[in-house]
PDB file of all heavy atoms in Angstrom:
ATOM      1  N   ALA A   1       4.923  -5.644   8.265  1.00  0.00           N
ATOM      2  CA  ALA A   1       5.561  -6.650   9.127  1.00  0.00           C
ATOM      3  C   ALA A   1       4.604  -7.124  10.216  1.00  0.00           C
ATOM      4  O   ALA A   1       4.543  -8.323  10.539  1.00  0.00           O
ATOM      5  CB  ALA A   1       6.832  -6.073   9.738  1.00  0.00           C
ATOM      6  N   LEU A   2       3.848  -6.206  10.785  1.00  0.00           N
ATOM      7  CA  LEU A   2       2.885  -6.568  11.831  1.00  0.00           C
ATOM      8  C   LEU A   2       1.720  -7.372  11.255  1.00  0.00           C
ATOM      9  O   LEU A   2       1.205  -8.290  11.904  1.00  0.00           O
ATOM     10  CB  LEU A   2       2.376  -5.304  12.519  1.00  0.00           C
ATOM     11  CG  LEU A   2       3.415  -4.570  13.378  1.00  0.00           C
ATOM     12  CD1 LEU A   2       2.916  -3.174  13.747  1.00  0.00           C
ATOM     13  CD2 LEU A   2       3.740  -5.371  14.641  1.00  0.00           C
ATOM     14  N   GLN A   3       1.305  -7.043  10.062  1.00  0.00           N
ATOM     15  CA  GLN A   3       0.260  -7.834   9.407  1.00  0.00           C
ATOM     16  C   GLN A   3       0.720  -9.272   9.189  1.00  0.00           C
ATOM     17  O   GLN A   3      -0.044 -10.219   9.379  1.00  0.00           O
ATOM     18  CB  GLN A   3      -0.130  -7.182   8.082  1.00  0.00           C
ATOM     19  CG  GLN A   3      -0.893  -5.875   8.233  1.00  0.00           C
ATOM     20  CD  GLN A   3      -1.053  -5.131   6.920  1.00  0.00           C
ATOM     21  OE1 GLN A   3      -0.459  -5.500   5.903  1.00  0.00           O
ATOM     22  NE2 GLN A   3      -1.851  -4.079   6.912  1.00  0.00           N
ATOM     23  N   ALA A   4       1.973  -9.430   8.805  1.00  0.00           N
ATOM     24  CA  ALA A   4       2.527 -10.774   8.618  1.00  0.00           C
ATOM     25  C   ALA A   4       2.615 -11.523   9.951  1.00  0.00           C
ATOM     26  O   ALA A   4       2.358 -12.727  10.021  1.00  0.00           O
ATOM     27  CB  ALA A   4       3.903 -10.678   7.966  1.00  0.00           C
ATOM     28  N   LYS A   5       2.948 -10.780  11.002  1.00  0.00           N
ATOM     29  CA  LYS A   5       3.098 -11.383  12.332  1.00  0.00           C
ATOM     30  C   LYS A   5       1.756 -11.897  12.865  1.00  0.00           C
ATOM     31  O   LYS A   5       1.674 -13.016  13.391  1.00  0.00           O
ATOM     32  CB  LYS A   5       3.682 -10.355  13.294  1.00  0.00           C
ATOM     33  CG  LYS A   5       3.797 -10.829  14.741  1.00  0.00           C
ATOM     34  CD  LYS A   5       4.375  -9.724  15.626  1.00  0.00           C
ATOM     35  CE  LYS A   5       4.440 -10.172  17.087  1.00  0.00           C
ATOM     36  NZ  LYS A   5       4.990  -9.087  17.960  1.00  0.00           N
ATOM     37  N   TYR A   6       0.717 -11.090  12.742  1.00  0.00           N
ATOM     38  CA  TYR A   6      -0.568 -11.439  13.346  1.00  0.00           C
ATOM     39  C   TYR A   6      -1.567 -12.044  12.361  1.00  0.00           C
ATOM     40  O   TYR A   6      -2.592 -12.579  12.785  1.00  0.00           O
ATOM     41  CB  TYR A   6      -1.200 -10.195  13.983  1.00  0.00           C
ATOM     42  CG  TYR A   6      -0.423  -9.678  15.166  1.00  0.00           C
ATOM     43  CD1 TYR A   6       0.292  -8.485  15.080  1.00  0.00           C
ATOM     44  CD2 TYR A   6      -0.393 -10.378  16.370  1.00  0.00           C
ATOM     45  CE1 TYR A   6       1.010  -7.993  16.167  1.00  0.00           C
ATOM     46  CE2 TYR A   6       0.330  -9.910  17.459  1.00  0.00           C
ATOM     47  CZ  TYR A   6       1.021  -8.712  17.351  1.00  0.00           C
ATOM     48  OH  TYR A   6       1.737  -8.244  18.432  1.00  0.00           O
ATOM     49  N   GLY A   7      -1.271 -11.994  11.083  1.00  0.00           N
ATOM     50  CA  GLY A   7      -2.234 -12.460  10.087  1.00  0.00           C
ATOM     51  C   GLY A   7      -1.774 -13.670   9.318  1.00  0.00           C
ATOM     52  O   GLY A   7      -2.094 -13.804   8.130  1.00  0.00           O
ATOM     53  N   GLN A   8      -1.057 -14.551   9.958  1.00  0.00           N
ATOM     54  CA  GLN A   8      -0.566 -15.746   9.270  1.00  0.00           C
ATOM     55  C   GLN A   8      -1.740 -16.567   8.746  1.00  0.00           C
ATOM     56  O   GLN A   8      -2.675 -16.883   9.484  1.00  0.00           O
ATOM     57  CB  GLN A   8       0.287 -16.576  10.220  1.00  0.00           C
ATOM     58  CG  GLN A   8       1.553 -15.856  10.667  1.00  0.00           C
ATOM     59  CD  GLN A   8       2.402 -16.711  11.601  1.00  0.00           C
ATOM     60  OE1 GLN A   8       2.237 -17.920  11.677  1.00  0.00           O
ATOM     61  NE2 GLN A   8       3.320 -16.072  12.311  1.00  0.00           N
ATOM     62  N   GLY A   9      -1.673 -16.896   7.465  1.00  0.00           N
ATOM     63  CA  GLY A   9      -2.744 -17.656   6.836  1.00  0.00           C
ATOM     64  C   GLY A   9      -3.862 -16.783   6.298  1.00  0.00           C
ATOM     65  O   GLY A   9      -4.788 -17.285   5.649  1.00  0.00           O
ATOM     66  N   MET A  10      -3.800 -15.478   6.559  1.00  0.00           N
ATOM     67  CA  MET A  10      -4.817 -14.560   6.068  1.00  0.00           C
ATOM     68  C   MET A  10      -4.386 -13.934   4.738  1.00  0.00           C
ATOM     69  O   MET A  10      -3.195 -13.754   4.479  1.00  0.00           O
ATOM     70  CB  MET A  10      -5.057 -13.431   7.080  1.00  0.00           C
ATOM     71  CG  MET A  10      -5.435 -13.903   8.473  1.00  0.00           C
ATOM     72  SD  MET A  10      -7.120 -14.535   8.510  1.00  0.00           S
ATOM     73  CE  MET A  10      -7.360 -14.732  10.282  1.00  0.00           C
ATOM     74  N   ALA A  11      -5.367 -13.620   3.909  1.00  0.00           N
ATOM     75  CA  ALA A  11      -5.104 -12.883   2.669  1.00  0.00           C
ATOM     76  C   ALA A  11      -5.338 -11.403   2.971  1.00  0.00           C
ATOM     77  O   ALA A  11      -6.477 -10.957   3.095  1.00  0.00           O
ATOM     78  CB  ALA A  11      -6.026 -13.363   1.560  1.00  0.00           C
ATOM     79  N   ILE A  12      -4.267 -10.656   3.122  1.00  0.00           N
ATOM     80  CA  ILE A  12      -4.354  -9.265   3.560  1.00  0.00           C
ATOM     81  C   ILE A  12      -4.102  -8.317   2.395  1.00  0.00           C
ATOM     82  O   ILE A  12      -3.128  -8.472   1.657  1.00  0.00           O
ATOM     83  CB  ILE A  12      -3.369  -8.995   4.714  1.00  0.00           C
ATOM     84  CG1 ILE A  12      -3.800  -9.790   5.949  1.00  0.00           C
ATOM     85  CG2 ILE A  12      -3.297  -7.508   5.032  1.00  0.00           C
ATOM     86  CD1 ILE A  12      -2.870  -9.655   7.140  1.00  0.00           C
ATOM     87  N   GLU A  13      -5.001  -7.357   2.245  1.00  0.00           N
ATOM     88  CA  GLU A  13      -4.863  -6.317   1.227  1.00  0.00           C
ATOM     89  C   GLU A  13      -4.761  -4.965   1.910  1.00  0.00           C
ATOM     90  O   GLU A  13      -5.286  -4.763   3.002  1.00  0.00           O
ATOM     91  CB  GLU A  13      -6.068  -6.326   0.282  1.00  0.00           C
ATOM     92  CG  GLU A  13      -6.244  -7.620  -0.498  1.00  0.00           C
ATOM     93  CD  GLU A  13      -7.480  -7.587  -1.372  1.00  0.00           C
ATOM     94  OE1 GLU A  13      -8.299  -6.663  -1.197  1.00  0.00           O
ATOM     95  OE2 GLU A  13      -7.630  -8.478  -2.221  1.00  0.00           O
ATOM     96  N   ASN A  14      -4.098  -4.042   1.245  1.00  0.00           N
ATOM     97  CA  ASN A  14      -3.957  -2.689   1.758  1.00  0.00           C
ATOM     98  C   ASN A  14      -4.393  -1.687   0.707  1.00  0.00           C
ATOM     99  O   ASN A  14      -4.110  -1.849  -0.481  1.00  0.00           O
ATOM    100  CB  ASN A  14      -2.504  -2.401   2.154  1.00  0.00           C
ATOM    101  CG  ASN A  14      -2.099  -3.098   3.429  1.00  0.00           C
ATOM    102  OD1 ASN A  14      -2.376  -2.630   4.534  1.00  0.00           O
ATOM    103  ND2 ASN A  14      -1.422  -4.249   3.290  1.00  0.00           N
ATOM    104  N   CYS A  15      -5.075  -0.654   1.169  1.00  0.00           N
ATOM    105  CA  CYS A  15      -5.491   0.432   0.297  1.00  0.00           C
ATOM    106  C   CYS A  15      -5.048   1.754   0.912  1.00  0.00           C
ATOM    107  O   CYS A  15      -5.289   2.005   2.102  1.00  0.00           O
ATOM    108  CB  CYS A  15      -7.002   0.422   0.103  1.00  0.00           C
ATOM    109  SG  CYS A  15      -7.619   1.813  -0.890  1.00  0.00           S
ATOM    110  N   LEU A  16      -4.397   2.571   0.123  1.00  0.00           N
ATOM    111  CA  LEU A  16      -3.911   3.878   0.571  1.00  0.00           C
ATOM    112  C   LEU A  16      -4.723   4.962  -0.120  1.00  0.00           C
ATOM    113  O   LEU A  16      -4.793   5.012  -1.349  1.00  0.00           O
ATOM    114  CB  LEU A  16      -2.430   4.038   0.222  1.00  0.00           C
ATOM    115  CG  LEU A  16      -1.775   5.361   0.625  1.00  0.00           C
ATOM    116  CD1 LEU A  16      -1.479   5.375   2.121  1.00  0.00           C
ATOM    117  CD2 LEU A  16      -0.492   5.587  -0.170  1.00  0.00           C
ATOM    118  N   GLN A  17      -5.347   5.830   0.663  1.00  0.00           N
ATOM    119  CA  GLN A  17      -6.094   6.945   0.097  1.00  0.00           C
ATOM    120  C   GLN A  17      -5.247   8.207   0.221  1.00  0.00           C
ATOM    121  O   GLN A  17      -4.794   8.552   1.311  1.00  0.00           O
ATOM    122  CB  GLN A  17      -7.440   7.094   0.810  1.00  0.00           C
ATOM    123  CG  GLN A  17      -8.309   5.851   0.629  1.00  0.00           C
ATOM    124  CD  GLN A  17      -9.714   6.018   1.157  1.00  0.00           C
ATOM    125  OE1 GLN A  17     -10.085   7.064   1.669  1.00  0.00           O
ATOM    126  NE2 GLN A  17     -10.528   4.984   1.018  1.00  0.00           N
ATOM    127  N   THR A  18      -5.048   8.900  -0.909  1.00  0.00           N
ATOM    128  CA  THR A  18      -4.073   9.988  -0.931  1.00  0.00           C
ATOM    129  C   THR A  18      -4.443  11.051  -1.959  1.00  0.00           C
ATOM    130  O   THR A  18      -5.140  10.765  -2.937  1.00  0.00           O
ATOM    131  CB  THR A  18      -2.671   9.427  -1.257  1.00  0.00           C
ATOM    132  OG1 THR A  18      -1.731  10.509  -1.379  1.00  0.00           O
ATOM    133  CG2 THR A  18      -2.670   8.649  -2.568  1.00  0.00           C
ATOM    134  N   ASN A  19      -3.957  12.262  -1.723  1.00  0.00           N
ATOM    135  CA  ASN A  19      -4.096  13.303  -2.750  1.00  0.00           C
ATOM    136  C   ASN A  19      -2.982  13.216  -3.792  1.00  0.00           C
ATOM    137  O   ASN A  19      -3.013  13.913  -4.798  1.00  0.00           O
ATOM    138  CB  ASN A  19      -4.151  14.701  -2.120  1.00  0.00           C
ATOM    139  CG  ASN A  19      -2.911  15.054  -1.312  1.00  0.00           C
ATOM    140  OD1 ASN A  19      -1.780  14.869  -1.750  1.00  0.00           O
ATOM    141  ND2 ASN A  19      -3.121  15.589  -0.115  1.00  0.00           N
ATOM    142  N   GLY A  20      -1.988  12.367  -3.537  1.00  0.00           N
ATOM    143  CA  GLY A  20      -0.954  12.072  -4.534  1.00  0.00           C
ATOM    144  C   GLY A  20       0.179  13.069  -4.624  1.00  0.00           C
ATOM    145  O   GLY A  20       1.200  12.791  -5.275  1.00  0.00           O
ATOM    146  N   THR A  21       0.064  14.217  -3.981  1.00  0.00           N
ATOM    147  CA  THR A  21       1.055  15.275  -4.204  1.00  0.00           C
ATOM    148  C   THR A  21       2.406  14.969  -3.580  1.00  0.00           C
ATOM    149  O   THR A  21       3.405  15.601  -3.937  1.00  0.00           O
ATOM    150  CB  THR A  21       0.539  16.622  -3.660  1.00  0.00           C
ATOM    151  OG1 THR A  21       0.293  16.506  -2.249  1.00  0.00           O
ATOM    152  CG2 THR A  21      -0.744  17.037  -4.370  1.00  0.00           C
ATOM    153  N   LEU A  22       2.462  14.008  -2.656  1.00  0.00           N
ATOM    154  CA  LEU A  22       3.723  13.656  -2.007  1.00  0.00           C
ATOM    155  C   LEU A  22       4.308  12.340  -2.537  1.00  0.00           C
ATOM    156  O   LEU A  22       5.360  11.898  -2.058  1.00  0.00           O
ATOM    157  CB  LEU A  22       3.528  13.547  -0.484  1.00  0.00           C
ATOM    158  CG  LEU A  22       3.048  14.821   0.223  1.00  0.00           C
ATOM    159  CD1 LEU A  22       2.843  14.564   1.715  1.00  0.00           C
ATOM    160  CD2 LEU A  22       4.034  15.965   0.017  1.00  0.00           C
ATOM    161  N   LEU A  23       3.658  11.735  -3.508  1.00  0.00           N
ATOM    162  CA  LEU A  23       4.160  10.472  -4.053  1.00  0.00           C
ATOM    163  C   LEU A  23       5.448  10.690  -4.843  1.00  0.00           C
ATOM    164  O   LEU A  23       5.607  11.682  -5.554  1.00  0.00           O
ATOM    165  CB  LEU A  23       3.108   9.819  -4.946  1.00  0.00           C
ATOM    166  CG  LEU A  23       1.853   9.277  -4.240  1.00  0.00           C
ATOM    167  CD1 LEU A  23       0.939   8.608  -5.253  1.00  0.00           C
ATOM    168  CD2 LEU A  23       2.217   8.296  -3.126  1.00  0.00           C
ATOM    169  N   THR A  24       6.354   9.730  -4.697  1.00  0.00           N
ATOM    170  CA  THR A  24       7.651   9.756  -5.371  1.00  0.00           C
ATOM    171  C   THR A  24       7.891   8.404  -6.032  1.00  0.00           C
ATOM    172  O   THR A  24       7.095   7.466  -5.886  1.00  0.00           O
ATOM    173  CB  THR A  24       8.776  10.012  -4.356  1.00  0.00           C
ATOM    174  OG1 THR A  24       8.768   8.929  -3.393  1.00  0.00           O
ATOM    175  CG2 THR A  24       8.583  11.352  -3.630  1.00  0.00           C
ATOM    176  N   ASP A  25       9.022   8.285  -6.726  1.00  0.00           N
ATOM    177  CA  ASP A  25       9.397   6.986  -7.278  1.00  0.00           C
ATOM    178  C   ASP A  25       9.505   5.938  -6.181  1.00  0.00           C
ATOM    179  O   ASP A  25       9.046   4.798  -6.344  1.00  0.00           O
ATOM    180  CB  ASP A  25      10.732   7.100  -8.020  1.00  0.00           C
ATOM    181  CG  ASP A  25      10.579   7.742  -9.393  1.00  0.00           C
ATOM    182  OD1 ASP A  25      10.297   7.016 -10.352  1.00  0.00           O
ATOM    183  OD2 ASP A  25      10.734   8.977  -9.491  1.00  0.00           O
ATOM    184  N   GLU A  26      10.128   6.313  -5.061  1.00  0.00           N
ATOM    185  CA  GLU A  26      10.283   5.363  -3.959  1.00  0.00           C
ATOM    186  C   GLU A  26       8.925   4.911  -3.428  1.00  0.00           C
ATOM    187  O   GLU A  26       8.702   3.719  -3.176  1.00  0.00           O
ATOM    188  CB  GLU A  26      11.098   5.994  -2.828  1.00  0.00           C
ATOM    189  CG  GLU A  26      11.372   5.019  -1.682  1.00  0.00           C
ATOM    190  CD  GLU A  26      12.113   5.660  -0.523  1.00  0.00           C
ATOM    191  OE1 GLU A  26      12.273   6.897  -0.524  1.00  0.00           O
ATOM    192  OE2 GLU A  26      12.517   4.919   0.398  1.00  0.00           O
ATOM    193  N   TRP A  27       8.015   5.859  -3.260  1.00  0.00           N
ATOM    194  CA  TRP A  27       6.677   5.515  -2.783  1.00  0.00           C
ATOM    195  C   TRP A  27       5.992   4.542  -3.746  1.00  0.00           C
ATOM    196  O   TRP A  27       5.427   3.522  -3.328  1.00  0.00           O
ATOM    197  CB  TRP A  27       5.831   6.786  -2.671  1.00  0.00           C
ATOM    198  CG  TRP A  27       5.660   7.311  -1.275  1.00  0.00           C
ATOM    199  CD1 TRP A  27       6.176   8.462  -0.759  1.00  0.00           C
ATOM    200  CD2 TRP A  27       4.905   6.706  -0.222  1.00  0.00           C
ATOM    201  NE1 TRP A  27       5.792   8.610   0.562  1.00  0.00           N
ATOM    202  CE2 TRP A  27       5.010   7.549   0.908  1.00  0.00           C
ATOM    203  CE3 TRP A  27       4.150   5.543  -0.121  1.00  0.00           C
ATOM    204  CZ2 TRP A  27       4.391   7.268   2.123  1.00  0.00           C
ATOM    205  CZ3 TRP A  27       3.530   5.249   1.087  1.00  0.00           C
ATOM    206  CH2 TRP A  27       3.651   6.097   2.189  1.00  0.00           C
ATOM    207  N   CYS A  28       6.033   4.846  -5.011  1.00  0.00           N
ATOM    208  CA  CYS A  28       5.295   4.038  -5.978  1.00  0.00           C
ATOM    209  C   CYS A  28       5.921   2.660  -6.163  1.00  0.00           C
ATOM    210  O   CYS A  28       5.204   1.681  -6.409  1.00  0.00           O
ATOM    211  CB  CYS A  28       5.181   4.781  -7.306  1.00  0.00           C
ATOM    212  SG  CYS A  28       4.098   6.229  -7.192  1.00  0.00           S
ATOM    213  N   LYS A  29       7.229   2.563  -6.026  1.00  0.00           N
ATOM    214  CA  LYS A  29       7.868   1.242  -6.047  1.00  0.00           C
ATOM    215  C   LYS A  29       7.407   0.421  -4.850  1.00  0.00           C
ATOM    216  O   LYS A  29       7.114  -0.776  -4.972  1.00  0.00           O
ATOM    217  CB  LYS A  29       9.387   1.375  -6.042  1.00  0.00           C
ATOM    218  CG  LYS A  29      10.112   0.040  -6.193  1.00  0.00           C
ATOM    219  CD  LYS A  29      11.616   0.220  -6.258  1.00  0.00           C
ATOM    220  CE  LYS A  29      12.306  -1.105  -6.578  1.00  0.00           C
ATOM    221  NZ  LYS A  29      11.981  -2.184  -5.629  1.00  0.00           N
ATOM    222  N   PHE A  30       7.333   1.054  -3.690  1.00  0.00           N
ATOM    223  CA  PHE A  30       6.837   0.382  -2.486  1.00  0.00           C
ATOM    224  C   PHE A  30       5.403  -0.101  -2.693  1.00  0.00           C
ATOM    225  O   PHE A  30       5.056  -1.245  -2.358  1.00  0.00           O
ATOM    226  CB  PHE A  30       6.912   1.338  -1.291  1.00  0.00           C
ATOM    227  CG  PHE A  30       6.115   0.889  -0.097  1.00  0.00           C
ATOM    228  CD1 PHE A  30       6.638  -0.030   0.792  1.00  0.00           C
ATOM    229  CD2 PHE A  30       4.833   1.398   0.134  1.00  0.00           C
ATOM    230  CE1 PHE A  30       5.889  -0.457   1.895  1.00  0.00           C
ATOM    231  CE2 PHE A  30       4.085   0.990   1.231  1.00  0.00           C
ATOM    232  CZ  PHE A  30       4.616   0.059   2.107  1.00  0.00           C
ATOM    233  N   LEU A  31       4.558   0.743  -3.239  1.00  0.00           N
ATOM    234  CA  LEU A  31       3.152   0.384  -3.452  1.00  0.00           C
ATOM    235  C   LEU A  31       3.025  -0.778  -4.428  1.00  0.00           C
ATOM    236  O   LEU A  31       2.230  -1.705  -4.225  1.00  0.00           O
ATOM    237  CB  LEU A  31       2.385   1.606  -3.970  1.00  0.00           C
ATOM    238  CG  LEU A  31       2.276   2.786  -2.995  1.00  0.00           C
ATOM    239  CD1 LEU A  31       1.763   4.021  -3.718  1.00  0.00           C
ATOM    240  CD2 LEU A  31       1.385   2.440  -1.814  1.00  0.00           C
ATOM    241  N   HIS A  32       3.835  -0.748  -5.487  1.00  0.00           N
ATOM    242  CA  HIS A  32       3.808  -1.839  -6.462  1.00  0.00           C
ATOM    243  C   HIS A  32       4.331  -3.132  -5.854  1.00  0.00           C
ATOM    244  O   HIS A  32       3.708  -4.197  -5.989  1.00  0.00           O
ATOM    245  CB  HIS A  32       4.644  -1.475  -7.682  1.00  0.00           C
ATOM    246  CG  HIS A  32       4.868  -2.640  -8.602  1.00  0.00           C
ATOM    247  ND1 HIS A  32       5.990  -3.467  -8.502  1.00  0.00           N
ATOM    248  CD2 HIS A  32       4.117  -3.139  -9.622  1.00  0.00           C
ATOM    249  CE1 HIS A  32       5.904  -4.402  -9.411  1.00  0.00           C
ATOM    250  NE2 HIS A  32       4.792  -4.238 -10.106  1.00  0.00           N
ATOM    251  N   ASP A  33       5.473  -3.057  -5.193  1.00  0.00           N
ATOM    252  CA  ASP A  33       6.115  -4.263  -4.670  1.00  0.00           C
ATOM    253  C   ASP A  33       5.245  -4.969  -3.639  1.00  0.00           C
ATOM    254  O   ASP A  33       5.341  -6.187  -3.463  1.00  0.00           O
ATOM    255  CB  ASP A  33       7.469  -3.920  -4.051  1.00  0.00           C
ATOM    256  CG  ASP A  33       8.499  -3.503  -5.102  1.00  0.00           C
ATOM    257  OD1 ASP A  33       8.221  -3.675  -6.309  1.00  0.00           O
ATOM    258  OD2 ASP A  33       9.565  -2.986  -4.704  1.00  0.00           O
ATOM    259  N   ASN A  34       4.386  -4.198  -2.944  1.00  0.00           N
ATOM    260  CA  ASN A  34       3.541  -4.785  -1.905  1.00  0.00           C
ATOM    261  C   ASN A  34       2.081  -4.908  -2.326  1.00  0.00           C
ATOM    262  O   ASN A  34       1.221  -5.232  -1.506  1.00  0.00           O
ATOM    263  CB  ASN A  34       3.658  -3.960  -0.623  1.00  0.00           C
ATOM    264  CG  ASN A  34       5.045  -4.065  -0.016  1.00  0.00           C
ATOM    265  OD1 ASN A  34       5.393  -5.063   0.595  1.00  0.00           O
ATOM    266  ND2 ASN A  34       5.857  -3.026  -0.213  1.00  0.00           N
ATOM    267  N   ASN A  35       1.843  -4.649  -3.610  1.00  0.00           N
ATOM    268  CA  ASN A  35       0.520  -4.859  -4.205  1.00  0.00           C
ATOM    269  C   ASN A  35      -0.569  -4.047  -3.511  1.00  0.00           C
ATOM    270  O   ASN A  35      -1.656  -4.551  -3.225  1.00  0.00           O
ATOM    271  CB  ASN A  35       0.160  -6.349  -4.190  1.00  0.00           C
ATOM    272  CG  ASN A  35      -0.954  -6.673  -5.170  1.00  0.00           C
ATOM    273  OD1 ASN A  35      -1.077  -6.046  -6.214  1.00  0.00           O
ATOM    274  ND2 ASN A  35      -1.773  -7.648  -4.824  1.00  0.00           N
ATOM    275  N   TRP A  36      -0.283  -2.781  -3.228  1.00  0.00           N
ATOM    276  CA  TRP A  36      -1.260  -1.908  -2.597  1.00  0.00           C
ATOM    277  C   TRP A  36      -2.128  -1.236  -3.655  1.00  0.00           C
ATOM    278  O   TRP A  36      -1.649  -0.844  -4.721  1.00  0.00           O
ATOM    279  CB  TRP A  36      -0.560  -0.831  -1.764  1.00  0.00           C
ATOM    280  CG  TRP A  36      -0.078  -1.325  -0.424  1.00  0.00           C
ATOM    281  CD1 TRP A  36       0.403  -2.569  -0.139  1.00  0.00           C
ATOM    282  CD2 TRP A  36      -0.005  -0.574   0.781  1.00  0.00           C
ATOM    283  NE1 TRP A  36       0.770  -2.647   1.181  1.00  0.00           N
ATOM    284  CE2 TRP A  36       0.530  -1.430   1.772  1.00  0.00           C
ATOM    285  CE3 TRP A  36      -0.329   0.736   1.126  1.00  0.00           C
ATOM    286  CZ2 TRP A  36       0.734  -1.011   3.086  1.00  0.00           C
ATOM    287  CZ3 TRP A  36      -0.121   1.154   2.428  1.00  0.00           C
ATOM    288  CH2 TRP A  36       0.400   0.289   3.400  1.00  0.00           C
ATOM    289  N   LEU A  37      -3.400  -1.093  -3.322  1.00  0.00           N
ATOM    290  CA  LEU A  37      -4.320  -0.319  -4.146  1.00  0.00           C
ATOM    291  C   LEU A  37      -4.290   1.129  -3.666  1.00  0.00           C
ATOM    292  O   LEU A  37      -4.193   1.397  -2.463  1.00  0.00           O
ATOM    293  CB  LEU A  37      -5.740  -0.877  -4.011  1.00  0.00           C
ATOM    294  CG  LEU A  37      -6.864  -0.100  -4.706  1.00  0.00           C
ATOM    295  CD1 LEU A  37      -6.712  -0.157  -6.223  1.00  0.00           C
ATOM    296  CD2 LEU A  37      -8.225  -0.653  -4.278  1.00  0.00           C
ATOM    297  N   VAL A  38      -4.404   2.061  -4.592  1.00  0.00           N
ATOM    298  CA  VAL A  38      -4.390   3.489  -4.245  1.00  0.00           C
ATOM    299  C   VAL A  38      -5.702   4.131  -4.656  1.00  0.00           C
ATOM    300  O   VAL A  38      -6.184   3.932  -5.776  1.00  0.00           O
ATOM    301  CB  VAL A  38      -3.212   4.212  -4.939  1.00  0.00           C
ATOM    302  CG1 VAL A  38      -3.338   5.726  -4.781  1.00  0.00           C
ATOM    303  CG2 VAL A  38      -1.892   3.730  -4.360  1.00  0.00           C
ATOM    304  N   GLY A  39      -6.281   4.875  -3.733  1.00  0.00           N
ATOM    305  CA  GLY A  39      -7.419   5.732  -4.039  1.00  0.00           C
ATOM    306  C   GLY A  39      -6.902   7.152  -4.165  1.00  0.00           C
ATOM    307  O   GLY A  39      -6.416   7.726  -3.192  1.00  0.00           O
ATOM    308  N   LEU A  40      -6.948   7.697  -5.370  1.00  0.00           N
ATOM    309  CA  LEU A  40      -6.348   8.999  -5.649  1.00  0.00           C
ATOM    310  C   LEU A  40      -7.425  10.076  -5.765  1.00  0.00           C
ATOM    311  O   LEU A  40      -8.349   9.959  -6.568  1.00  0.00           O
ATOM    312  CB  LEU A  40      -5.541   8.939  -6.945  1.00  0.00           C
ATOM    313  CG  LEU A  40      -4.808  10.225  -7.352  1.00  0.00           C
ATOM    314  CD1 LEU A  40      -3.674  10.529  -6.377  1.00  0.00           C
ATOM    315  CD2 LEU A  40      -4.275  10.109  -8.773  1.00  0.00           C
ATOM    316  N   SER A  41      -7.293  11.125  -4.970  1.00  0.00           N
ATOM    317  CA  SER A  41      -8.237  12.241  -5.025  1.00  0.00           C
ATOM    318  C   SER A  41      -7.895  13.141  -6.213  1.00  0.00           C
ATOM    319  O   SER A  41      -6.818  13.730  -6.260  1.00  0.00           O
ATOM    320  CB  SER A  41      -8.175  13.051  -3.730  1.00  0.00           C
ATOM    321  OG  SER A  41      -8.574  12.264  -2.626  1.00  0.00           O
ATOM    322  N   ILE A  42      -8.818  13.208  -7.149  1.00  0.00           N
ATOM    323  CA  ILE A  42      -8.612  14.047  -8.324  1.00  0.00           C
ATOM    324  C   ILE A  42      -9.989  14.474  -8.832  1.00  0.00           C
ATOM    325  O   ILE A  42     -10.873  13.633  -9.032  1.00  0.00           O
ATOM    326  CB  ILE A  42      -7.783  13.312  -9.404  1.00  0.00           C
ATOM    327  CG1 ILE A  42      -7.578  14.201 -10.627  1.00  0.00           C
ATOM    328  CG2 ILE A  42      -8.393  11.976  -9.771  1.00  0.00           C
ATOM    329  CD1 ILE A  42      -6.526  13.635 -11.592  1.00  0.00           C
TER     330      ILE A  42
END
């Protein structure tokens, strides 16, 4: 929401770096719906 507020007209991407052990269906739906890239430690 803050990115939308201050970044009008900008192409904003988000990347989440995670070990993945806390990811759930809800998390992954959120990541997909908002087009986030994930860096997974494995």
